Amino acid sequence: MDSVVMKWGLTVVIAILGWALSILLRGITKRLGRRRNYSRARIFQTAVVINSACLIISLIAIGVLWGLKGDGLMVFATSLMALLGVALFASWSMLSNATAAIILFFSAPYRVGDRIRLLDGDNTVTGQIRHMGLIFITIQDELGHRYTLPNNLLLQKTVIRLRGDTLPRDHKHCRAD
């Protein structure tokens, strides 16, 4: 009887610690986001990822406490992977972009309003960052054209942060009339 009461007590403690860790990390994220003048949507998206990670860690800890064994977990995980293999492969790029968004949030090399030039051979884009989301970034050039680029592109390609008031124009993308 004492063992079950002890397990329930530890379950409550783990749940409270997971909740407290989530609150602490979200608070740090909100303060950092406000200090760097990030949009509320960008701060919210990062907080959702933090909440999800804290929930998963807490559930794993509670599962281990209640006797979830590695064998049972492996059977469950392999079955789940077999069922969701195609979906996970298809969503790999989404996961890559979400991870890139978290890295961009905390490293803060760019923010909304910055003017950048993304160097990608013939697909070079120059413009002002209008939106930074969990999956993509939106850039607007001087003619008002909006480009939607995946977040992981900002980590994979060379990006130049421009200074001054005017955007240099990429003439190679304009047709001569």
C-alpha atoms as a PDB file:
ATOM      1  CA  MET A   1       0.000   0.000   0.000  1.00  0.00           C
ATOM      2  CA  ASP A   2       2.834   2.385   0.848  1.00  0.00           C
ATOM      3  CA  SER A   3       4.431   1.722  -2.532  1.00  0.00           C
ATOM      4  CA  VAL A   4       1.323   2.829  -4.443  1.00  0.00           C
ATOM      5  CA  VAL A   5       0.913   5.936  -2.270  1.00  0.00           C
ATOM      6  CA  MET A   6       4.608   6.716  -2.802  1.00  0.00           C
ATOM      7  CA  LYS A   7       4.228   6.323  -6.590  1.00  0.00           C
ATOM      8  CA  TRP A   8       1.200   8.630  -6.644  1.00  0.00           C
ATOM      9  CA  GLY A   9       3.079  11.179  -4.537  1.00  0.00           C
ATOM     10  CA  LEU A  10       6.079  11.061  -6.891  1.00  0.00           C
ATOM     11  CA  THR A  11       3.725  11.305  -9.865  1.00  0.00           C
ATOM     12  CA  VAL A  12       2.295  14.519  -8.442  1.00  0.00           C
ATOM     13  CA  VAL A  13       5.826  15.820  -7.744  1.00  0.00           C
ATOM     14  CA  ILE A  14       6.949  15.039 -11.324  1.00  0.00           C
ATOM     15  CA  ALA A  15       3.833  16.732 -12.729  1.00  0.00           C
ATOM     16  CA  ILE A  16       4.428  19.834 -10.593  1.00  0.00           C
ATOM     17  CA  LEU A  17       8.137  19.938 -11.520  1.00  0.00           C
ATOM     18  CA  GLY A  18       7.277  19.620 -15.236  1.00  0.00           C
ATOM     19  CA  TRP A  19       4.694  22.375 -14.916  1.00  0.00           C
ATOM     20  CA  ALA A  20       7.128  24.614 -12.969  1.00  0.00           C
ATOM     21  CA  LEU A  21       9.905  24.000 -15.524  1.00  0.00           C
ATOM     22  CA  SER A  22       7.497  24.893 -18.311  1.00  0.00           C
ATOM     23  CA  ILE A  23       6.493  28.143 -16.564  1.00  0.00           C
ATOM     24  CA  LEU A  24      10.135  29.038 -15.887  1.00  0.00           C
ATOM     25  CA  LEU A  25      11.245  28.411 -19.470  1.00  0.00           C
ATOM     26  CA  ARG A  26       8.222  30.227 -20.926  1.00  0.00           C
ATOM     27  CA  GLY A  27       8.965  33.219 -18.672  1.00  0.00           C
ATOM     28  CA  ILE A  28      12.566  33.317 -19.858  1.00  0.00           C
ATOM     29  CA  THR A  29      11.387  33.045 -23.459  1.00  0.00           C
ATOM     30  CA  LYS A  30       8.845  35.867 -23.037  1.00  0.00           C
ATOM     31  CA  ARG A  31      11.378  38.175 -21.371  1.00  0.00           C
ATOM     32  CA  LEU A  32      13.951  37.443 -24.060  1.00  0.00           C
ATOM     33  CA  GLY A  33      11.351  37.980 -26.797  1.00  0.00           C
ATOM     34  CA  ARG A  34      10.175  41.288 -25.340  1.00  0.00           C
ATOM     35  CA  ARG A  35      13.751  42.490 -24.864  1.00  0.00           C
ATOM     36  CA  ARG A  36      14.475  41.739 -28.519  1.00  0.00           C
ATOM     37  CA  ASN A  37      11.111  43.194 -29.687  1.00  0.00           C
ATOM     38  CA  TYR A  38       9.812  39.946 -31.198  1.00  0.00           C
ATOM     39  CA  SER A  39       6.194  39.690 -32.214  1.00  0.00           C
ATOM     40  CA  ARG A  40       3.752  38.074 -29.797  1.00  0.00           C
ATOM     41  CA  ALA A  41       3.042  35.323 -32.326  1.00  0.00           C
ATOM     42  CA  ARG A  42       6.712  34.363 -32.530  1.00  0.00           C
ATOM     43  CA  ILE A  43       7.027  34.262 -28.730  1.00  0.00           C
ATOM     44  CA  PHE A  44       3.828  32.184 -28.509  1.00  0.00           C
ATOM     45  CA  GLN A  45       5.074  29.640 -31.065  1.00  0.00           C
ATOM     46  CA  THR A  46       8.308  29.160 -29.147  1.00  0.00           C
ATOM     47  CA  ALA A  47       6.367  28.781 -25.886  1.00  0.00           C
ATOM     48  CA  VAL A  48       4.217  26.042 -27.472  1.00  0.00           C
ATOM     49  CA  VAL A  49       7.349  24.088 -28.405  1.00  0.00           C
ATOM     50  CA  ILE A  50       8.686  24.496 -24.838  1.00  0.00           C
ATOM     51  CA  ASN A  51       5.355  23.356 -23.341  1.00  0.00           C
ATOM     52  CA  SER A  52       5.309  20.295 -25.591  1.00  0.00           C
ATOM     53  CA  ALA A  53       8.878  19.332 -24.673  1.00  0.00           C
ATOM     54  CA  CYS A  54       8.176  19.690 -20.934  1.00  0.00           C
ATOM     55  CA  LEU A  55       4.999  17.595 -21.279  1.00  0.00           C
ATOM     56  CA  ILE A  56       6.800  14.810 -23.149  1.00  0.00           C
ATOM     57  CA  ILE A  57       9.657  14.738 -20.616  1.00  0.00           C
ATOM     58  CA  SER A  58       7.180  14.623 -17.718  1.00  0.00           C
ATOM     59  CA  LEU A  59       5.171  11.809 -19.328  1.00  0.00           C
ATOM     60  CA  ILE A  60       8.317   9.769 -19.928  1.00  0.00           C
ATOM     61  CA  ALA A  61       9.419  10.281 -16.308  1.00  0.00           C
ATOM     62  CA  ILE A  62       5.979   9.232 -15.002  1.00  0.00           C
ATOM     63  CA  GLY A  63       6.011   6.204 -17.307  1.00  0.00           C
ATOM     64  CA  VAL A  64       9.399   5.111 -15.955  1.00  0.00           C
ATOM     65  CA  LEU A  65       8.160   5.642 -12.385  1.00  0.00           C
ATOM     66  CA  TRP A  66       5.130   3.407 -12.963  1.00  0.00           C
ATOM     67  CA  GLY A  67       7.236   0.615 -14.465  1.00  0.00           C
ATOM     68  CA  LEU A  68       7.272   1.299 -18.179  1.00  0.00           C
ATOM     69  CA  LYS A  69      10.027  -1.030 -19.313  1.00  0.00           C
ATOM     70  CA  GLY A  70      12.354  -0.517 -22.229  1.00  0.00           C
ATOM     71  CA  ASP A  71      11.070  -3.679 -23.974  1.00  0.00           C
ATOM     72  CA  GLY A  72       7.474  -2.490 -23.957  1.00  0.00           C
ATOM     73  CA  LEU A  73       8.544   0.964 -25.013  1.00  0.00           C
ATOM     74  CA  MET A  74      10.588  -0.433 -27.914  1.00  0.00           C
ATOM     75  CA  VAL A  75       7.681  -2.538 -29.178  1.00  0.00           C
ATOM     76  CA  PHE A  76       5.391   0.483 -28.982  1.00  0.00           C
ATOM     77  CA  ALA A  77       7.938   2.776 -30.656  1.00  0.00           C
ATOM     78  CA  THR A  78       8.691   0.391 -33.530  1.00  0.00           C
ATOM     79  CA  SER A  79       4.995  -0.213 -34.138  1.00  0.00           C
ATOM     80  CA  LEU A  80       4.344   3.504 -34.142  1.00  0.00           C
ATOM     81  CA  MET A  81       7.244   4.139 -36.515  1.00  0.00           C
ATOM     82  CA  ALA A  82       6.019   1.419 -38.875  1.00  0.00           C
ATOM     83  CA  LEU A  83       2.546   2.984 -38.975  1.00  0.00           C
ATOM     84  CA  LEU A  84       3.734   6.562 -39.282  1.00  0.00           C
ATOM     85  CA  GLY A  85       6.913   6.049 -41.330  1.00  0.00           C
ATOM     86  CA  VAL A  86       5.675   7.729 -44.477  1.00  0.00           C
ATOM     87  CA  ALA A  87       4.068  10.603 -42.561  1.00  0.00           C
ATOM     88  CA  LEU A  88       7.220  11.196 -40.511  1.00  0.00           C
ATOM     89  CA  PHE A  89       9.378  11.163 -43.628  1.00  0.00           C
ATOM     90  CA  ALA A  90       7.053  13.653 -45.325  1.00  0.00           C
ATOM     91  CA  SER A  91       7.037  15.934 -42.281  1.00  0.00           C
ATOM     92  CA  TRP A  92      10.829  15.893 -41.844  1.00  0.00           C
ATOM     93  CA  SER A  93      11.152  19.238 -43.579  1.00  0.00           C
ATOM     94  CA  MET A  94       8.489  20.728 -41.291  1.00  0.00           C
ATOM     95  CA  LEU A  95      10.426  19.511 -38.253  1.00  0.00           C
ATOM     96  CA  SER A  96      13.621  20.947 -39.736  1.00  0.00           C
ATOM     97  CA  ASN A  97      11.955  24.348 -40.231  1.00  0.00           C
ATOM     98  CA  ALA A  98      10.490  24.366 -36.707  1.00  0.00           C
ATOM     99  CA  THR A  99      13.908  23.543 -35.261  1.00  0.00           C
ATOM    100  CA  ALA A 100      15.463  26.309 -37.356  1.00  0.00           C
ATOM    101  CA  ALA A 101      12.818  28.734 -36.016  1.00  0.00           C
ATOM    102  CA  ILE A 102      13.818  27.894 -32.431  1.00  0.00           C
ATOM    103  CA  ILE A 103      17.506  28.377 -33.279  1.00  0.00           C
ATOM    104  CA  LEU A 104      16.750  31.716 -34.974  1.00  0.00           C
ATOM    105  CA  PHE A 105      14.630  32.777 -31.982  1.00  0.00           C
ATOM    106  CA  PHE A 106      17.370  32.232 -29.421  1.00  0.00           C
ATOM    107  CA  SER A 107      20.395  33.233 -31.540  1.00  0.00           C
ATOM    108  CA  ALA A 108      18.565  36.324 -32.902  1.00  0.00           C
ATOM    109  CA  PRO A 109      20.682  37.071 -35.967  1.00  0.00           C
ATOM    110  CA  TYR A 110      17.655  38.647 -37.697  1.00  0.00           C
ATOM    111  CA  ARG A 111      14.341  40.122 -36.628  1.00  0.00           C
ATOM    112  CA  VAL A 112      11.208  41.520 -38.233  1.00  0.00           C
ATOM    113  CA  GLY A 113      12.071  44.802 -39.945  1.00  0.00           C
ATOM    114  CA  ASP A 114      15.687  43.888 -40.767  1.00  0.00           C
ATOM    115  CA  ARG A 115      16.781  44.159 -44.364  1.00  0.00           C
ATOM    116  CA  ILE A 116      18.620  41.106 -45.633  1.00  0.00           C
ATOM    117  CA  ARG A 117      20.016  39.571 -48.802  1.00  0.00           C
ATOM    118  CA  LEU A 118      19.866  35.779 -49.018  1.00  0.00           C
ATOM    119  CA  LEU A 119      22.532  34.535 -51.413  1.00  0.00           C
ATOM    120  CA  ASP A 120      21.415  31.432 -53.302  1.00  0.00           C
ATOM    121  CA  GLY A 121      22.987  31.589 -56.755  1.00  0.00           C
ATOM    122  CA  ASP A 122      20.408  32.711 -59.302  1.00  0.00           C
ATOM    123  CA  ASN A 123      17.715  32.708 -56.618  1.00  0.00           C
ATOM    124  CA  THR A 124      19.184  35.538 -54.537  1.00  0.00           C
ATOM    125  CA  VAL A 125      16.495  37.460 -52.639  1.00  0.00           C
ATOM    126  CA  THR A 126      16.854  40.951 -51.167  1.00  0.00           C
ATOM    127  CA  GLY A 127      14.195  42.531 -48.994  1.00  0.00           C
ATOM    128  CA  GLN A 128      12.839  43.409 -45.599  1.00  0.00           C
ATOM    129  CA  ILE A 129      11.717  40.711 -43.176  1.00  0.00           C
ATOM    130  CA  ARG A 130       7.949  41.108 -42.670  1.00  0.00           C
ATOM    131  CA  HIS A 131       7.107  37.940 -40.742  1.00  0.00           C
ATOM    132  CA  MET A 132       9.022  35.192 -38.942  1.00  0.00           C
ATOM    133  CA  GLY A 133       6.908  32.148 -38.154  1.00  0.00           C
ATOM    134  CA  LEU A 134       7.465  28.612 -36.954  1.00  0.00           C
ATOM    135  CA  ILE A 135       7.856  27.195 -40.478  1.00  0.00           C
ATOM    136  CA  PHE A 136       8.689  30.093 -42.811  1.00  0.00           C
ATOM    137  CA  ILE A 137       9.887  33.669 -43.076  1.00  0.00           C
ATOM    138  CA  THR A 138       8.299  36.328 -45.324  1.00  0.00           C
ATOM    139  CA  ILE A 139      10.499  38.886 -47.085  1.00  0.00           C
ATOM    140  CA  GLN A 140       9.207  41.882 -49.067  1.00  0.00           C
ATOM    141  CA  ASP A 141      11.353  43.533 -51.742  1.00  0.00           C
ATOM    142  CA  GLU A 142      11.291  47.224 -52.719  1.00  0.00           C
ATOM    143  CA  LEU A 143       8.640  46.596 -55.390  1.00  0.00           C
ATOM    144  CA  GLY A 144       6.257  45.039 -52.874  1.00  0.00           C
ATOM    145  CA  HIS A 145       6.768  41.429 -53.941  1.00  0.00           C
ATOM    146  CA  ARG A 146       6.603  39.008 -51.019  1.00  0.00           C
ATOM    147  CA  TYR A 147       8.812  35.937 -50.830  1.00  0.00           C
ATOM    148  CA  THR A 148       8.057  33.072 -48.470  1.00  0.00           C
ATOM    149  CA  LEU A 149      11.176  31.131 -47.557  1.00  0.00           C
ATOM    150  CA  PRO A 150      11.606  28.140 -45.236  1.00  0.00           C
ATOM    151  CA  ASN A 151      13.403  28.912 -41.962  1.00  0.00           C
ATOM    152  CA  ASN A 152      16.088  26.296 -42.504  1.00  0.00           C
ATOM    153  CA  LEU A 153      17.200  28.190 -45.621  1.00  0.00           C
ATOM    154  CA  LEU A 154      18.414  31.027 -43.378  1.00  0.00           C
ATOM    155  CA  LEU A 155      20.690  28.566 -41.585  1.00  0.00           C
ATOM    156  CA  GLN A 156      21.930  26.818 -44.733  1.00  0.00           C
ATOM    157  CA  LYS A 157      22.633  29.776 -47.035  1.00  0.00           C
ATOM    158  CA  THR A 158      24.694  32.933 -46.681  1.00  0.00           C
ATOM    159  CA  VAL A 159      22.573  35.830 -45.424  1.00  0.00           C
ATOM    160  CA  ILE A 160      23.809  39.427 -45.435  1.00  0.00           C
ATOM    161  CA  ARG A 161      22.171  41.862 -43.026  1.00  0.00           C
ATOM    162  CA  LEU A 162      21.994  45.180 -44.889  1.00  0.00           C
ATOM    163  CA  ARG A 163      22.467  48.647 -43.430  1.00  0.00           C
ATOM    164  CA  GLY A 164      21.030  51.966 -44.616  1.00  0.00           C
ATOM    165  CA  ASP A 165      17.545  53.056 -45.608  1.00  0.00           C
ATOM    166  CA  THR A 166      17.259  51.737 -49.138  1.00  0.00           C
ATOM    167  CA  LEU A 167      17.163  48.188 -50.360  1.00  0.00           C
ATOM    168  CA  PRO A 168      19.649  47.350 -53.092  1.00  0.00           C
ATOM    169  CA  ARG A 169      17.750  45.973 -56.049  1.00  0.00           C
ATOM    170  CA  ASP A 170      18.469  42.579 -57.604  1.00  0.00           C
ATOM    171  CA  HIS A 171      18.459  43.533 -61.290  1.00  0.00           C
ATOM    172  CA  LYS A 172      18.874  39.977 -62.534  1.00  0.00           C
ATOM    173  CA  HIS A 173      15.291  39.172 -61.508  1.00  0.00           C
ATOM    174  CA  CYS A 174      13.757  42.113 -63.387  1.00  0.00           C
ATOM    175  CA  ARG A 175      12.820  41.894 -67.051  1.00  0.00           C
ATOM    176  CA  ALA A 176      13.811  44.695 -69.364  1.00  0.00           C
ATOM    177  CA  ASP A 177      10.742  46.011 -71.165  1.00  0.00           C
END
